[in-house]
Amino acid sequence: MLTKEDISRISGVDLELLDGYRKIVELSGEEVDALPSGLDFLALSLQNCPLLTELPEDLPVQYLSVMGCPNLKRLPENMELAALYLFGSDIETVPEKSTCFSILVLIECARIKHLPARCKAISKDFTIEDCPNLSSIPNLNVVHGDFNMRNTQVTFLPEHLKVGGSLWIYNTPIETLPAHIRVGKDISLSGCKNLKSLPDGLMINGDLDLSETSIRELPKGLIVKGDLVLTDTAVSSLPEDLIVGGSVVAAENVLQGATINHEVPDNLTERIWERSGYIYANDRLFRIMAKEEKHFKVLASSMDVYFILYGSDNLVEQSILYLVPDDNPKSHVLGIGKSQSEACIDLILKTADRL
């Protein structure tokens, strides 16, 4: 078993700084066989530790990365992780007390079957790849960054899922998207062989890739700001009400004689997020706490996740931001600040080239 002195030597962190250390402690090599109890640091990275079989039950880390540790089969059940990275791991479960509210990355984790019930919101990215026994993600409500899922058994997404970045799903047996899904940027469903339909009225503020799916017809009212990719699908015609701002990539018979409307509505972003409880500004997603006559009171990603998990308190109230929209409805520019006046100044700076 390693001592604190061993951990200091391997990681390069001075022994006197180890207790209460706020950065990542990095451990690797065959010398890492077991860690002592009584450690006190924020983040731990374990890489290529073939003799490591377990972690101490009192390990207090909030950030954990594990790669190349084939004999580590479980994590302490009382771990309350905010960020978790597992690569090529035989770990069977993510600790139920973990929220993974910052980021969750599971790649080649064949034994993972479900996510913790407390995994409801993520302030950065959500990545699940090559996890063939994971079949559902029922509690996830919002991902502020990108949503990446590849080679899983997930058949449906949460009904009211909101993604601030892009939604990328590959080779996963989903059959459709939820009617109320909201996505900030691109949607790619390439290689999802079971995908047969999309909800009517779907609006995408980027590209839509449906290549190598079982889609036969596009939904009514589909709006795609960027490119629409239909290669290797059974789509034989384009609906008359389709709007695509970029190019349509499809078989020649699909495009032959088709008249495509390229006039994307100026207020597409607002339409995507209306009645969702969120506003999309400066390529970021904000939770609306209050809507006033000339401004919004909002929470940024990390505090939105905190609010979802713990509810409103003094910390939430102190973290309120202000968004002030431009008077020009076609500009879609919003000023942001910790007060209304600060947001107004930010708006003036952003629109100064029009003066």
Protein backbone atom coordinates (compact mmCIF):
# COMPACT_ATOMS: atom_id res chain seq x y z
CA MET A 1 0.00 0.00 0.00
CA LEU A 2 1.22 3.48 -0.85
CA THR A 3 1.97 5.95 1.90
CA LYS A 4 1.37 9.69 1.63
CA GLU A 5 5.10 10.04 1.02
CA ASP A 6 4.81 7.62 -1.91
CA ILE A 7 1.87 9.57 -3.33
CA SER A 8 3.84 12.79 -3.04
CA ARG A 9 6.84 11.28 -4.80
CA ILE A 10 4.88 9.66 -7.67
CA SER A 11 2.60 12.63 -8.29
CA GLY A 12 5.23 15.32 -7.82
CA VAL A 13 3.05 17.16 -5.30
CA ASP A 14 4.99 18.41 -2.26
CA LEU A 15 4.03 16.43 0.84
CA GLU A 16 3.12 19.54 2.81
CA LEU A 17 0.71 20.57 0.04
CA LEU A 18 -0.98 17.20 -0.38
CA ASP A 19 -3.62 17.65 2.33
CA GLY A 20 -6.23 20.02 0.93
CA TYR A 21 -4.63 20.01 -2.55
CA ARG A 22 -7.04 21.61 -5.01
CA LYS A 23 -5.51 20.43 -8.29
CA ILE A 24 -5.24 16.94 -9.84
CA VAL A 25 -3.06 14.34 -8.12
CA GLU A 26 -1.76 12.07 -10.90
CA LEU A 27 -0.70 8.51 -10.09
CA SER A 28 0.53 5.85 -12.51
CA GLY A 29 2.59 2.68 -12.69
CA GLU A 30 2.79 -0.76 -11.12
CA GLU A 31 3.84 0.71 -7.79
CA VAL A 32 0.26 1.97 -7.31
CA ASP A 33 -1.37 -1.09 -5.69
CA ALA A 34 -3.54 0.49 -2.97
CA LEU A 35 -4.14 3.92 -1.48
CA PRO A 36 -4.26 4.65 2.26
CA SER A 37 -7.28 6.04 4.08
CA GLY A 38 -7.27 9.58 5.40
CA LEU A 39 -6.37 11.30 2.12
CA ASP A 40 -7.63 14.82 1.52
CA PHE A 41 -7.39 16.22 -1.98
CA LEU A 42 -9.92 17.32 -4.57
CA ALA A 43 -9.03 15.39 -7.75
CA LEU A 44 -7.34 12.11 -8.64
CA SER A 45 -6.13 10.70 -11.97
CA LEU A 46 -5.17 7.01 -12.12
CA GLN A 47 -3.47 5.84 -15.30
CA ASN A 48 -1.93 2.45 -16.10
CA CYS A 49 -2.08 1.02 -12.60
CA PRO A 50 -2.49 -2.73 -13.29
CA LEU A 51 -2.10 -3.82 -9.65
CA LEU A 52 -4.67 -1.43 -8.21
CA THR A 53 -7.74 -3.36 -7.01
CA GLU A 54 -9.64 -0.91 -4.81
CA LEU A 55 -9.86 2.63 -3.50
CA PRO A 56 -10.29 3.61 0.16
CA GLU A 57 -13.92 3.99 1.25
CA ASP A 58 -13.23 7.45 2.68
CA LEU A 59 -11.60 8.85 -0.48
CA PRO A 60 -13.04 12.40 -0.67
CA VAL A 61 -12.22 13.31 -4.28
CA GLN A 62 -14.83 15.06 -6.42
CA TYR A 63 -12.93 14.58 -9.69
CA LEU A 64 -11.83 11.08 -10.73
CA SER A 65 -10.22 9.80 -13.92
CA VAL A 66 -9.42 6.10 -14.39
CA MET A 67 -7.59 4.66 -17.41
CA GLY A 68 -5.69 1.42 -17.77
CA CYS A 69 -6.58 0.01 -14.34
CA PRO A 70 -7.99 -3.43 -15.31
CA ASN A 71 -8.27 -4.81 -11.79
CA LEU A 72 -10.18 -1.90 -10.32
CA LYS A 73 -13.74 -3.28 -10.43
CA ARG A 74 -15.65 -0.94 -8.13
CA LEU A 75 -15.66 2.57 -6.73
CA PRO A 76 -16.43 3.42 -3.09
CA GLU A 77 -20.21 3.63 -2.72
CA ASN A 78 -20.09 6.86 -0.71
CA MET A 79 -18.19 8.78 -3.38
CA GLU A 80 -19.92 12.04 -4.35
CA LEU A 81 -18.30 12.74 -7.70
CA ALA A 82 -18.83 15.93 -9.64
CA ALA A 83 -16.67 14.83 -12.58
CA LEU A 84 -15.97 11.26 -13.68
CA TYR A 85 -13.86 9.90 -16.54
CA LEU A 86 -13.69 6.11 -17.06
CA PHE A 87 -11.74 4.70 -20.02
CA GLY A 88 -11.63 0.97 -20.84
CA SER A 89 -12.86 0.11 -17.37
CA ASP A 90 -14.50 -2.97 -15.81
CA ILE A 91 -16.03 -0.85 -13.06
CA GLU A 92 -19.65 -1.98 -12.75
CA THR A 93 -21.47 1.01 -11.27
CA VAL A 94 -21.15 4.74 -10.83
CA PRO A 95 -21.65 5.50 -7.12
CA GLU A 96 -25.31 6.34 -6.45
CA LYS A 97 -24.43 9.44 -4.41
CA SER A 98 -22.58 10.94 -7.37
CA THR A 99 -24.25 13.65 -9.44
CA CYS A 100 -21.45 14.00 -12.02
CA PHE A 101 -22.81 17.55 -12.38
CA SER A 102 -19.68 18.90 -14.04
CA ILE A 103 -18.86 16.25 -16.66
CA LEU A 104 -19.42 12.56 -17.28
CA VAL A 105 -17.28 10.53 -19.71
CA LEU A 106 -17.66 6.75 -19.94
CA ILE A 107 -15.74 5.11 -22.80
CA GLU A 108 -15.46 1.34 -23.27
CA CYS A 109 -17.13 0.53 -19.96
CA ALA A 110 -18.79 -2.79 -20.79
CA ARG A 111 -20.17 -3.47 -17.31
CA ILE A 112 -21.96 -0.16 -16.68
CA LYS A 113 -25.72 -0.79 -16.83
CA HIS A 114 -27.23 2.40 -15.46
CA LEU A 115 -26.40 5.89 -14.25
CA PRO A 116 -27.09 7.25 -10.77
CA ALA A 117 -30.58 8.64 -10.18
CA ARG A 118 -28.95 11.90 -9.07
CA CYS A 119 -27.36 12.40 -12.50
CA LYS A 120 -29.97 14.95 -13.59
CA ALA A 121 -28.01 17.87 -15.02
CA ILE A 122 -24.50 18.42 -16.36
CA SER A 123 -22.80 21.78 -16.71
CA LYS A 124 -20.31 20.66 -19.38
CA ASP A 125 -20.25 17.55 -21.63
CA PHE A 126 -21.94 14.15 -21.45
CA THR A 127 -20.09 11.38 -23.32
CA ILE A 128 -21.04 7.69 -23.37
CA GLU A 129 -19.23 5.51 -25.92
CA ASP A 130 -18.98 1.75 -26.30
CA CYS A 131 -21.02 0.94 -23.21
CA PRO A 132 -23.08 -1.95 -24.63
CA ASN A 133 -25.02 -2.73 -21.43
CA LEU A 134 -26.24 0.81 -20.76
CA SER A 135 -29.90 0.85 -21.80
CA SER A 136 -31.41 4.04 -20.39
CA ILE A 137 -30.66 7.53 -19.09
CA PRO A 138 -34.10 8.35 -17.64
CA ASN A 139 -33.27 11.14 -15.22
CA LEU A 140 -31.08 13.41 -17.32
CA ASN A 141 -32.79 16.77 -17.83
CA VAL A 142 -30.18 19.18 -19.19
CA VAL A 143 -26.64 19.03 -20.63
CA HIS A 144 -25.14 22.48 -21.05
CA GLY A 145 -22.31 21.25 -23.27
CA ASP A 146 -22.31 18.53 -25.93
CA PHE A 147 -24.24 15.26 -25.69
CA ASN A 148 -22.28 12.35 -27.22
CA MET A 149 -23.55 8.77 -27.27
CA ARG A 150 -22.19 5.89 -29.36
CA ASN A 151 -22.64 2.11 -29.28
CA THR A 152 -25.07 1.73 -26.39
CA GLN A 153 -28.44 -0.02 -25.94
CA VAL A 154 -30.30 3.21 -25.15
CA THR A 155 -33.63 3.14 -27.02
CA PHE A 156 -35.06 6.51 -26.01
CA LEU A 157 -33.99 9.89 -24.68
CA PRO A 158 -35.64 11.77 -21.79
CA GLU A 159 -38.80 13.51 -23.00
CA HIS A 160 -37.74 17.05 -22.07
CA LEU A 161 -33.98 16.76 -22.65
CA LYS A 162 -32.24 20.08 -23.28
CA VAL A 163 -28.74 20.23 -24.80
CA GLY A 164 -26.87 23.52 -24.98
CA GLY A 165 -24.26 22.26 -27.45
CA SER A 166 -24.60 19.57 -30.11
CA LEU A 167 -26.38 16.22 -29.94
CA TRP A 168 -24.28 13.44 -31.49
CA ILE A 169 -25.70 9.90 -31.38
CA TYR A 170 -24.14 7.06 -33.38
CA ASN A 171 -24.98 3.37 -33.74
CA THR A 172 -27.55 3.41 -30.95
CA PRO A 173 -31.03 1.80 -31.24
CA ILE A 174 -33.16 4.88 -30.65
CA GLU A 175 -36.28 4.97 -32.85
CA THR A 176 -37.09 8.67 -32.65
CA LEU A 177 -36.31 11.89 -30.79
CA PRO A 178 -38.54 13.22 -28.00
CA ALA A 179 -41.22 15.67 -29.12
CA HIS A 180 -39.96 18.32 -26.72
CA ILE A 181 -36.19 17.98 -27.17
CA ARG A 182 -34.24 21.26 -27.50
CA VAL A 183 -30.71 21.40 -28.91
CA GLY A 184 -28.49 24.46 -29.25
CA LYS A 185 -26.39 23.43 -32.25
CA ASP A 186 -26.03 20.36 -34.52
CA ILE A 187 -27.90 17.06 -34.37
CA SER A 188 -26.23 13.95 -35.80
CA LEU A 189 -28.01 10.59 -35.71
CA SER A 190 -25.79 8.88 -38.26
CA GLY A 191 -25.75 5.09 -38.12
CA CYS A 192 -28.80 4.76 -35.86
CA LYS A 193 -30.37 1.91 -37.86
CA ASN A 194 -33.58 1.81 -35.80
CA LEU A 195 -34.35 5.50 -36.27
CA LYS A 196 -37.63 5.60 -38.18
CA SER A 197 -39.12 9.02 -37.47
CA LEU A 198 -38.58 12.50 -36.08
CA PRO A 199 -41.12 14.70 -34.29
CA ASP A 200 -43.13 17.20 -36.31
CA GLY A 201 -41.99 20.78 -35.94
CA LEU A 202 -38.36 19.87 -35.18
CA MET A 203 -36.10 22.93 -35.43
CA ILE A 204 -32.30 22.69 -35.56
CA ASN A 205 -29.93 25.62 -35.14
CA GLY A 206 -27.14 23.84 -37.06
CA ASP A 207 -26.69 20.74 -39.22
CA LEU A 208 -28.89 17.61 -39.22
CA ASP A 209 -27.21 14.33 -40.21
CA LEU A 210 -29.58 11.39 -40.79
CA SER A 211 -27.22 9.29 -42.90
CA GLU A 212 -27.43 5.50 -42.56
CA THR A 213 -30.71 5.57 -40.63
CA SER A 214 -34.10 3.97 -41.38
CA ILE A 215 -35.83 7.31 -41.91
CA ARG A 216 -38.27 7.11 -44.84
CA GLU A 217 -39.84 10.54 -44.67
CA LEU A 218 -39.05 13.84 -43.02
CA PRO A 219 -41.35 15.37 -40.40
CA LYS A 220 -43.73 18.23 -41.05
CA GLY A 221 -42.39 21.70 -40.31
CA LEU A 222 -38.72 20.68 -40.22
CA ILE A 223 -36.32 23.64 -40.13
CA VAL A 224 -32.55 23.12 -40.41
CA LYS A 225 -30.34 26.19 -40.24
CA GLY A 226 -27.28 24.40 -41.65
CA ASP A 227 -26.91 21.33 -43.87
CA LEU A 228 -29.29 18.38 -44.09
CA VAL A 229 -27.60 15.02 -44.81
CA LEU A 230 -29.80 12.17 -46.09
CA THR A 231 -27.24 9.83 -47.69
CA ASP A 232 -27.94 6.10 -47.40
CA THR A 233 -31.54 6.58 -46.25
CA ALA A 234 -34.87 5.55 -47.79
CA VAL A 235 -36.10 9.15 -48.03
CA SER A 236 -37.51 9.49 -51.55
CA SER A 237 -38.90 13.04 -51.51
CA LEU A 238 -38.69 16.29 -49.59
CA PRO A 239 -41.73 17.86 -47.88
CA GLU A 240 -43.00 21.12 -49.32
CA ASP A 241 -42.68 22.98 -46.02
CA LEU A 242 -39.03 21.97 -45.46
CA ILE A 243 -36.63 24.84 -44.73
CA VAL A 244 -32.87 24.27 -45.02
CA GLY A 245 -30.44 27.17 -44.73
CA GLY A 246 -27.48 25.23 -46.13
CA SER A 247 -27.22 22.32 -48.53
CA VAL A 248 -29.27 19.14 -48.80
CA VAL A 249 -27.02 16.13 -49.32
CA ALA A 250 -29.08 13.28 -50.73
CA ALA A 251 -29.48 10.88 -53.65
CA GLU A 252 -30.01 12.50 -57.02
CA ASN A 253 -33.58 11.23 -57.32
CA VAL A 254 -34.48 12.95 -54.04
CA LEU A 255 -33.19 16.31 -55.19
CA GLN A 256 -34.45 16.12 -58.76
CA GLY A 257 -37.22 18.64 -59.24
CA ALA A 258 -37.24 19.65 -55.58
CA THR A 259 -37.64 23.32 -54.67
CA ILE A 260 -35.98 23.99 -51.32
CA ASN A 261 -36.79 27.00 -49.18
CA HIS A 262 -33.52 28.42 -47.83
CA GLU A 263 -35.10 31.32 -45.89
CA VAL A 264 -34.47 30.36 -42.27
CA PRO A 265 -36.55 32.46 -39.83
CA ASP A 266 -34.56 35.20 -38.09
CA ASN A 267 -36.03 34.16 -34.75
CA LEU A 268 -35.19 30.44 -35.06
CA THR A 269 -33.15 30.37 -31.83
CA GLU A 270 -35.96 32.03 -29.89
CA ARG A 271 -38.50 29.59 -31.35
CA ILE A 272 -36.40 26.57 -30.38
CA TRP A 273 -36.17 27.63 -26.74
CA GLU A 274 -39.53 29.32 -26.16
CA ARG A 275 -41.54 27.90 -23.24
CA SER A 276 -38.55 25.75 -22.21
CA GLY A 277 -37.57 27.80 -19.18
CA TYR A 278 -34.23 28.59 -20.85
CA ILE A 279 -32.76 31.25 -23.11
CA TYR A 280 -29.89 30.74 -25.55
CA ALA A 281 -27.47 33.67 -25.66
CA ASN A 282 -23.84 34.07 -26.68
CA ASP A 283 -23.74 30.35 -27.64
CA ARG A 284 -24.62 29.43 -24.07
CA LEU A 285 -27.72 28.19 -22.31
CA PHE A 286 -29.15 30.08 -19.33
CA ARG A 287 -32.01 29.15 -17.02
CA ILE A 288 -34.62 31.93 -16.83
CA MET A 289 -35.41 32.78 -13.22
CA ALA A 290 -37.52 35.84 -14.03
CA LYS A 291 -38.56 37.77 -17.12
CA GLU A 292 -38.90 41.51 -16.65
CA GLU A 293 -39.99 44.16 -19.13
CA LYS A 294 -36.49 44.92 -20.43
CA HIS A 295 -34.30 42.14 -19.08
CA PHE A 296 -34.07 38.55 -17.94
CA LYS A 297 -32.75 37.27 -14.63
CA VAL A 298 -30.88 34.04 -15.35
CA LEU A 299 -28.53 31.37 -14.03
CA ALA A 300 -25.45 30.20 -15.93
CA SER A 301 -24.66 26.51 -16.36
CA SER A 302 -23.00 25.61 -13.05
CA MET A 303 -25.60 27.39 -10.95
CA ASP A 304 -28.45 25.98 -13.03
CA VAL A 305 -27.21 22.49 -12.18
CA TYR A 306 -26.91 23.47 -8.52
CA PHE A 307 -30.49 24.80 -8.62
CA ILE A 308 -31.80 21.57 -10.17
CA LEU A 309 -30.06 19.44 -7.56
CA TYR A 310 -30.55 21.51 -4.42
CA GLY A 311 -33.21 24.14 -5.08
CA SER A 312 -33.08 27.86 -4.41
CA ASP A 313 -31.00 29.32 -1.57
CA ASN A 314 -28.81 32.34 -0.86
CA LEU A 315 -26.06 31.04 -3.16
CA VAL A 316 -28.51 30.89 -6.06
CA GLU A 317 -29.80 34.38 -5.31
CA GLN A 318 -26.24 35.74 -5.22
CA SER A 319 -25.45 34.09 -8.57
CA ILE A 320 -28.26 35.68 -10.57
CA LEU A 321 -27.11 37.23 -13.86
CA TYR A 322 -28.89 39.78 -16.05
CA LEU A 323 -29.49 39.49 -19.78
CA VAL A 324 -30.53 42.60 -21.70
CA PRO A 325 -31.71 42.05 -25.32
CA ASP A 326 -30.95 44.44 -28.14
CA ASP A 327 -33.83 46.66 -29.30
CA ASN A 328 -33.17 45.46 -32.85
CA PRO A 329 -35.14 42.17 -33.09
CA LYS A 330 -32.92 40.89 -35.92
CA SER A 331 -29.62 41.27 -34.08
CA HIS A 332 -30.16 38.54 -31.42
CA VAL A 333 -27.46 40.20 -29.31
CA LEU A 334 -27.81 40.18 -25.54
CA GLY A 335 -25.72 41.97 -22.96
CA ILE A 336 -24.83 40.02 -19.84
CA GLY A 337 -23.72 41.16 -16.41
CA LYS A 338 -24.08 40.79 -12.67
CA SER A 339 -26.45 43.76 -12.63
CA GLN A 340 -28.83 45.32 -15.13
CA SER A 341 -26.53 48.29 -15.65
CA GLU A 342 -23.51 46.02 -16.21
CA ALA A 343 -25.53 44.04 -18.78
CA CYS A 344 -26.53 47.26 -20.54
CA ILE A 345 -22.88 48.32 -20.79
CA ASP A 346 -21.99 44.90 -22.19
CA LEU A 347 -24.75 45.28 -24.79
CA ILE A 348 -23.46 48.72 -25.80
CA LEU A 349 -19.95 47.31 -26.28
CA LYS A 350 -21.25 44.42 -28.37
CA THR A 351 -23.29 46.69 -30.65
CA ALA A 352 -20.83 49.58 -30.84
CA ASP A 353 -20.04 48.87 -34.51
CA ARG A 354 -23.58 49.90 -35.40
CA LEU A 355 -23.24 53.35 -33.84
